[in-house]
Amino acid sequence: MQKTLKLLLALSAAMLFSCQTENRNPLLPNISGAAGEVIVVMQKSLWEGGTGSEMRVRLAYDYGILPQEEPAFDLIFIPPDGFSNMFKLNRNIIIAKVKSTADSAMFAAKNDIWAKPQLVMEIIAPDTVSLTDFIKLNGPKMASLMEDAERNRIMASFKANQNKTISDQLQRNHHINLIVPSNFNIDVDSNNFVWMSHETPEISQSILIYHYPYEEGNSFTKSFLISKRNEICKAYVPGPNQGSYMGTERDELVDFNEFGYKGRYIAYLKGLWKLENGGFMGGAIYQYLYPGHNKKPSSYNRRFRLRPQKGKAQPDKAVRSHIAYF
């Protein structure tokens, strides 16, 4: 599904902005900067005025779905005279400037100008008003281009460092094709349930896979999917206290969507999980479900927990990108 979405996003961006070019140079240095970091190059007066404000609204919006607010992208302002070679290696760069000789606002998005894999976007407008209006109108498309670039980087990293042993085990035992990052381990692998996780002192990421018999007219409703997930997690995902387990944080907060892909029905839920019967653990959860092998619905869940002082948005994007490629 994500491969199709990436193609559609790239095509729509090319039509809207009229310039989306490729420049893959294997000799370029690797990108710098953390995931989600964006260097914004413009005059200080623009950044501190309406143009910069509009840029922050359109690109540093609340990522959502997390227990606390976090920006989707971390914008770092750099004035033109401070845009040194060090900053030119960043993964995402936006250059915005006013040029009185321009007939109208123009946009160009290019890959790998100073580093790889890099996305550089440039906006040139005849005046401040035109520049601000362009960002206001096309900010979501710019965000989509950066999301797409980050997703490609994540998947390239996963593919280059996958755990082939676990991927083969999933295919052999559950008829599932999934790229598993090398830092994940299998905690549980039963007839109908798999729990894979990556644990560090700062972060806990898990991917849960389970399948169960199809029930006519009921297996794909929102209430049934939440109930089934709670049932599975109660049985297989215990908490630190006796009787505690991973549950759903308020059913009404769960978003539910349905779509078709290559003739297959897919249900998608996103929301928050919490620790039932004790403790204050919780985080974001995403779930894809589709009719799987022998017509048994298969579900892919993902959840993670972080220390409160650590950012969650970028690790969240990483695992969302991962399970979206099932």
Protein backbone atom coordinates (compact mmCIF):
# COMPACT_ATOMS: atom_id res chain seq x y z
CA MET A 1 0.00 0.00 0.00
CA GLN A 2 2.76 2.42 0.92
CA LYS A 3 4.52 1.84 -2.42
CA THR A 4 1.34 2.93 -4.20
CA LEU A 5 0.90 5.90 -1.90
CA LYS A 6 4.47 7.00 -2.49
CA LEU A 7 3.94 6.94 -6.24
CA LEU A 8 0.72 8.92 -5.99
CA LEU A 9 2.32 11.49 -3.70
CA ALA A 10 5.27 11.93 -6.03
CA LEU A 11 3.02 12.33 -9.05
CA SER A 12 0.73 14.83 -7.35
CA ALA A 13 3.71 16.84 -6.12
CA ALA A 14 5.22 16.91 -9.59
CA MET A 15 1.99 18.18 -11.10
CA LEU A 16 1.48 20.80 -8.41
CA PHE A 17 5.02 22.14 -8.30
CA SER A 18 6.03 21.30 -11.89
CA CYS A 19 9.56 20.41 -10.82
CA GLN A 20 10.58 17.23 -9.00
CA THR A 21 13.99 16.02 -10.11
CA GLU A 22 16.31 13.12 -9.34
CA ASN A 23 20.04 13.56 -8.85
CA ARG A 24 21.42 10.35 -7.36
CA ASN A 25 25.18 10.69 -6.91
CA PRO A 26 26.81 7.74 -5.10
CA LEU A 27 29.92 9.81 -4.33
CA LEU A 28 28.08 12.30 -2.12
CA PRO A 29 28.54 12.12 1.67
CA ASN A 30 25.77 10.70 3.82
CA ILE A 31 23.15 13.02 5.26
CA SER A 32 23.38 14.44 8.77
CA GLY A 33 20.72 15.41 11.28
CA ALA A 34 18.10 13.48 13.20
CA ALA A 35 14.99 12.02 11.62
CA GLY A 36 12.34 14.71 11.15
CA GLU A 37 14.86 17.54 11.36
CA VAL A 38 14.45 20.31 8.76
CA ILE A 39 16.85 23.17 8.04
CA VAL A 40 14.87 26.28 7.01
CA VAL A 41 16.93 28.93 5.22
CA MET A 42 15.36 32.40 4.90
CA GLN A 43 15.93 35.98 5.97
CA LYS A 44 15.49 36.56 9.69
CA SER A 45 12.74 39.12 9.05
CA LEU A 46 10.77 36.48 7.13
CA TRP A 47 11.26 33.84 9.82
CA GLU A 48 10.15 36.17 12.61
CA GLY A 49 7.20 37.47 10.58
CA GLY A 50 4.16 35.94 8.94
CA THR A 51 6.15 33.74 6.55
CA GLY A 52 7.98 31.91 9.33
CA SER A 53 4.79 31.67 11.35
CA GLU A 54 2.99 30.06 8.41
CA MET A 55 5.90 27.67 7.91
CA ARG A 56 5.67 26.55 11.53
CA VAL A 57 1.91 26.10 11.32
CA ARG A 58 2.12 23.97 8.16
CA LEU A 59 5.17 21.86 9.03
CA ALA A 60 5.65 21.89 12.82
CA TYR A 61 2.04 20.92 13.51
CA ASP A 62 1.18 18.50 16.31
CA TYR A 63 2.07 14.98 15.20
CA GLY A 64 -1.00 13.63 16.98
CA ILE A 65 -1.89 10.22 18.44
CA LEU A 66 0.81 10.52 21.13
CA PRO A 67 0.06 11.02 24.83
CA GLN A 68 1.54 14.55 24.64
CA GLU A 69 1.99 17.07 21.85
CA GLU A 70 5.09 16.82 19.66
CA PRO A 71 5.84 18.53 16.33
CA ALA A 72 5.72 16.42 13.17
CA PHE A 73 8.98 18.07 12.05
CA ASP A 74 11.67 19.92 13.99
CA LEU A 75 12.33 23.18 12.13
CA ILE A 76 15.78 24.76 12.56
CA PHE A 77 16.10 28.33 11.30
CA ILE A 78 19.34 29.30 9.54
CA PRO A 79 19.86 32.75 7.92
CA PRO A 80 21.31 32.69 4.37
CA ASP A 81 24.73 33.97 5.50
CA GLY A 82 24.90 31.18 8.09
CA PHE A 83 24.02 28.38 5.67
CA SER A 84 27.46 26.77 5.79
CA ASN A 85 28.66 23.45 4.37
CA MET A 86 27.85 21.79 7.68
CA PHE A 87 24.14 22.60 7.36
CA LYS A 88 24.10 21.67 3.67
CA LEU A 89 24.54 18.02 4.67
CA ASN A 90 21.22 17.92 6.50
CA ARG A 91 18.61 15.38 5.40
CA ASN A 92 15.80 17.92 4.77
CA ILE A 93 16.40 21.51 3.63
CA ILE A 94 13.91 24.24 2.72
CA ILE A 95 15.23 27.43 1.11
CA ALA A 96 12.69 30.24 0.89
CA LYS A 97 13.47 33.65 -0.57
CA VAL A 98 11.93 36.73 -2.13
CA LYS A 99 13.14 37.69 -5.60
CA SER A 100 11.49 40.74 -7.14
CA THR A 101 12.24 39.58 -10.71
CA ALA A 102 10.15 36.42 -10.27
CA ASP A 103 6.82 36.51 -12.10
CA SER A 104 5.09 34.31 -9.52
CA ALA A 105 5.86 31.88 -6.72
CA MET A 106 7.97 28.96 -7.95
CA PHE A 107 8.87 25.70 -6.25
CA ALA A 108 11.54 23.08 -6.92
CA ALA A 109 12.13 19.82 -5.04
CA LYS A 110 15.41 18.01 -5.69
CA ASN A 111 17.17 14.99 -4.28
CA ASP A 112 20.81 14.66 -3.23
CA ILE A 113 22.21 18.13 -3.89
CA TRP A 114 24.88 18.17 -1.18
CA ALA A 115 24.40 14.76 0.49
CA LYS A 116 22.46 11.50 0.13
CA PRO A 117 19.65 10.59 0.57
CA GLN A 118 18.67 14.25 0.82
CA LEU A 119 15.57 16.30 -0.01
CA VAL A 120 16.04 19.99 -0.86
CA MET A 121 13.03 22.22 -1.50
CA GLU A 122 13.34 25.80 -2.77
CA ILE A 123 10.60 28.43 -2.91
CA ILE A 124 11.11 31.70 -4.78
CA ALA A 125 8.40 34.36 -4.76
CA PRO A 126 8.21 37.97 -6.03
CA ASP A 127 7.20 39.34 -2.63
CA THR A 128 6.59 38.37 0.97
CA VAL A 129 2.83 38.03 0.57
CA SER A 130 3.19 35.62 -2.36
CA LEU A 131 5.76 33.57 -0.45
CA THR A 132 3.55 33.32 2.62
CA ASP A 133 0.48 32.45 0.55
CA PHE A 134 2.37 29.71 -1.28
CA ILE A 135 3.46 28.11 2.00
CA LYS A 136 -0.08 28.36 3.35
CA LEU A 137 -1.55 26.67 0.28
CA ASN A 138 1.14 24.05 -0.35
CA GLY A 139 2.47 23.35 3.14
CA PRO A 140 0.65 19.99 3.33
CA LYS A 141 2.22 18.88 0.03
CA MET A 142 5.65 19.89 1.29
CA ALA A 143 5.04 17.89 4.45
CA SER A 144 4.01 14.90 2.32
CA LEU A 145 7.25 15.09 0.35
CA MET A 146 9.27 15.08 3.57
CA GLU A 147 7.21 12.25 5.08
CA ASP A 148 7.80 10.27 1.91
CA ALA A 149 11.54 10.95 2.01
CA GLU A 150 11.78 9.92 5.67
CA ARG A 151 9.77 6.76 4.97
CA ASN A 152 12.11 5.82 2.11
CA ARG A 153 15.15 6.31 4.36
CA ILE A 154 13.60 4.20 7.10
CA MET A 155 12.76 1.32 4.78
CA ALA A 156 16.16 1.46 3.09
CA SER A 157 17.76 1.14 6.51
CA PHE A 158 15.48 -1.76 7.47
CA LYS A 159 16.18 -3.60 4.21
CA ALA A 160 19.93 -3.14 4.57
CA ASN A 161 19.86 -4.38 8.17
CA GLN A 162 17.06 -6.93 8.28
CA ASN A 163 16.86 -10.02 10.45
CA LYS A 164 16.58 -12.63 7.72
CA THR A 165 16.24 -15.46 10.25
CA ILE A 166 13.08 -13.98 11.76
CA SER A 167 11.65 -13.02 8.36
CA ASP A 168 12.08 -16.63 7.19
CA GLN A 169 10.50 -17.90 10.41
CA LEU A 170 7.43 -15.69 9.89
CA GLN A 171 7.06 -16.92 6.33
CA ARG A 172 7.49 -20.55 7.34
CA ASN A 173 5.20 -20.53 10.39
CA HIS A 174 2.61 -17.90 9.48
CA HIS A 175 2.80 -17.33 5.69
CA ILE A 176 3.74 -13.68 6.33
CA ASN A 177 6.24 -11.65 4.32
CA LEU A 178 7.67 -8.92 6.53
CA ILE A 179 11.03 -7.17 6.68
CA VAL A 180 12.16 -7.41 10.30
CA PRO A 181 14.88 -4.98 11.48
CA SER A 182 18.04 -6.60 12.79
CA ASN A 183 17.56 -5.13 16.28
CA PHE A 184 14.21 -6.91 16.81
CA ASN A 185 13.86 -10.23 18.63
CA ILE A 186 10.98 -12.72 18.83
CA ASP A 187 9.54 -12.92 22.35
CA VAL A 188 6.58 -15.20 21.58
CA ASP A 189 5.79 -17.35 18.54
CA SER A 190 2.71 -19.54 18.98
CA ASN A 191 0.21 -21.00 16.53
CA ASN A 192 -1.74 -17.76 16.19
CA PHE A 193 0.39 -15.05 17.81
CA VAL A 194 3.82 -13.49 17.34
CA TRP A 195 5.39 -10.84 19.55
CA MET A 196 8.57 -9.14 18.33
CA SER A 197 10.28 -6.34 20.23
CA HIS A 198 13.23 -3.98 20.38
CA GLU A 199 14.16 -2.90 23.91
CA THR A 200 16.63 -0.26 25.09
CA PRO A 201 16.81 1.78 28.33
CA GLU A 202 15.05 4.63 26.49
CA ILE A 203 12.55 2.95 24.20
CA SER A 204 10.34 -0.10 23.91
CA GLN A 205 8.99 -0.98 20.45
CA SER A 206 6.85 -4.01 19.69
CA ILE A 207 5.18 -5.58 16.69
CA LEU A 208 2.34 -7.99 17.39
CA ILE A 209 0.95 -10.32 14.73
CA TYR A 210 -2.07 -12.54 15.32
CA HIS A 211 -4.72 -14.36 13.33
CA TYR A 212 -8.08 -15.90 14.20
CA PRO A 213 -11.09 -17.51 12.45
CA TYR A 214 -13.33 -15.29 10.38
CA GLU A 215 -16.82 -14.57 11.73
CA GLU A 216 -19.37 -13.58 9.09
CA GLY A 217 -20.45 -9.94 9.32
CA ASN A 218 -18.51 -9.24 12.49
CA SER A 219 -14.76 -9.71 12.10
CA PHE A 220 -14.09 -6.28 10.61
CA THR A 221 -16.16 -3.94 12.78
CA LYS A 222 -14.39 -1.39 14.95
CA SER A 223 -15.85 -2.71 18.21
CA PHE A 224 -14.97 -6.31 17.36
CA LEU A 225 -11.39 -5.45 16.37
CA ILE A 226 -10.78 -3.56 19.61
CA SER A 227 -12.38 -6.33 21.66
CA LYS A 228 -10.33 -9.02 19.90
CA ARG A 229 -7.13 -7.03 20.36
CA ASN A 230 -7.81 -6.63 24.08
CA GLU A 231 -8.53 -10.35 24.32
CA ILE A 232 -5.30 -11.31 22.55
CA CYS A 233 -3.19 -8.85 24.55
CA LYS A 234 -4.68 -10.01 27.84
CA ALA A 235 -3.60 -13.55 26.99
CA TYR A 236 -0.16 -12.81 25.55
CA VAL A 237 1.04 -9.30 26.56
CA PRO A 238 1.16 -9.11 30.36
CA GLY A 239 2.22 -6.05 32.32
CA PRO A 240 4.68 -5.85 35.22
CA ASN A 241 1.98 -6.33 37.88
CA GLN A 242 -0.12 -9.41 38.54
CA GLY A 243 -3.23 -9.31 36.32
CA SER A 244 -2.07 -6.29 34.30
CA TYR A 245 -1.95 -6.32 30.51
CA MET A 246 -1.91 -4.10 27.43
CA GLY A 247 -5.37 -2.63 26.75
CA THR A 248 -7.03 0.14 24.74
CA GLU A 249 -7.20 3.73 26.01
CA ARG A 250 -10.85 4.81 25.54
CA ASP A 251 -12.46 3.12 22.54
CA GLU A 252 -14.00 6.39 21.32
CA LEU A 253 -10.51 7.80 20.68
CA VAL A 254 -9.66 5.02 18.22
CA ASP A 255 -9.75 6.04 14.54
CA PHE A 256 -11.07 3.37 12.18
CA ASN A 257 -10.65 3.30 8.40
CA GLU A 258 -11.27 0.76 5.65
CA PHE A 259 -9.75 0.55 2.17
CA GLY A 260 -9.03 -1.91 -0.61
CA TYR A 261 -5.64 -2.80 -2.04
CA LYS A 262 -5.07 -5.24 -4.93
CA GLY A 263 -8.49 -6.74 -4.43
CA ARG A 264 -7.96 -7.28 -0.70
CA TYR A 265 -9.97 -5.62 2.07
CA ILE A 266 -7.87 -3.92 4.77
CA ALA A 267 -9.02 -2.37 8.04
CA TYR A 268 -6.83 0.17 9.85
CA LEU A 269 -7.07 1.42 13.43
CA LYS A 270 -4.93 3.88 15.34
CA GLY A 271 -5.21 5.03 18.92
CA LEU A 272 -3.53 4.78 22.31
CA TRP A 273 -2.85 1.77 24.48
CA LYS A 274 -2.66 1.72 28.27
CA LEU A 275 -1.73 -0.74 30.98
CA GLU A 276 -4.88 -2.31 32.40
CA ASN A 277 -5.04 -3.14 36.13
CA GLY A 278 -2.03 -1.21 37.31
CA GLY A 279 0.77 1.12 36.28
CA PHE A 280 1.00 4.19 34.06
CA MET A 281 2.53 2.79 30.90
CA GLY A 282 1.08 3.65 27.51
CA GLY A 283 1.72 4.89 24.01
CA ALA A 284 0.52 4.88 20.43
CA ILE A 285 -0.83 1.80 18.68
CA TYR A 286 -1.53 1.12 15.00
CA GLN A 287 -3.27 -1.91 13.59
CA TYR A 288 -3.76 -3.30 10.08
CA LEU A 289 -6.06 -6.27 9.55
CA TYR A 290 -6.86 -8.24 6.41
CA PRO A 291 -8.16 -11.70 5.36
CA GLY A 292 -5.04 -13.83 5.53
CA HIS A 293 -3.97 -17.42 4.95
CA ASN A 294 -6.91 -19.86 4.89
CA LYS A 295 -9.23 -16.83 5.16
CA LYS A 296 -8.22 -16.18 8.75
CA PRO A 297 -8.02 -12.44 9.48
CA SER A 298 -4.43 -11.46 10.18
CA SER A 299 -3.64 -8.41 12.28
CA TYR A 300 -0.45 -6.37 12.58
CA ASN A 301 -0.21 -4.23 15.71
CA ARG A 302 2.49 -1.90 16.81
CA ARG A 303 3.01 -0.20 20.12
CA PHE A 304 5.86 1.49 21.95
CA ARG A 305 6.74 3.12 25.24
CA LEU A 306 9.38 5.78 25.87
CA ARG A 307 10.75 7.66 28.84
CA PRO A 308 8.67 10.84 29.34
CA GLN A 309 11.57 13.19 28.55
CA LYS A 310 12.34 11.54 25.22
CA GLY A 311 10.70 12.37 21.89
CA LYS A 312 8.25 9.83 20.51
CA ALA A 313 7.23 11.18 17.10
CA GLN A 314 10.24 9.98 15.08
CA PRO A 315 10.44 6.43 16.55
CA ASP A 316 6.69 6.30 16.01
CA LYS A 317 7.10 7.14 12.31
CA ALA A 318 9.76 4.44 11.96
CA VAL A 319 7.58 1.59 13.12
CA ARG A 320 4.50 2.93 11.32
CA SER A 321 6.52 2.84 8.12
CA HIS A 322 7.64 -0.69 8.91
CA ILE A 323 4.26 -2.33 9.48
CA ALA A 324 2.70 -0.42 6.57
CA TYR A 325 4.90 -2.54 4.27
CA PHE A 326 3.42 -5.89 5.36
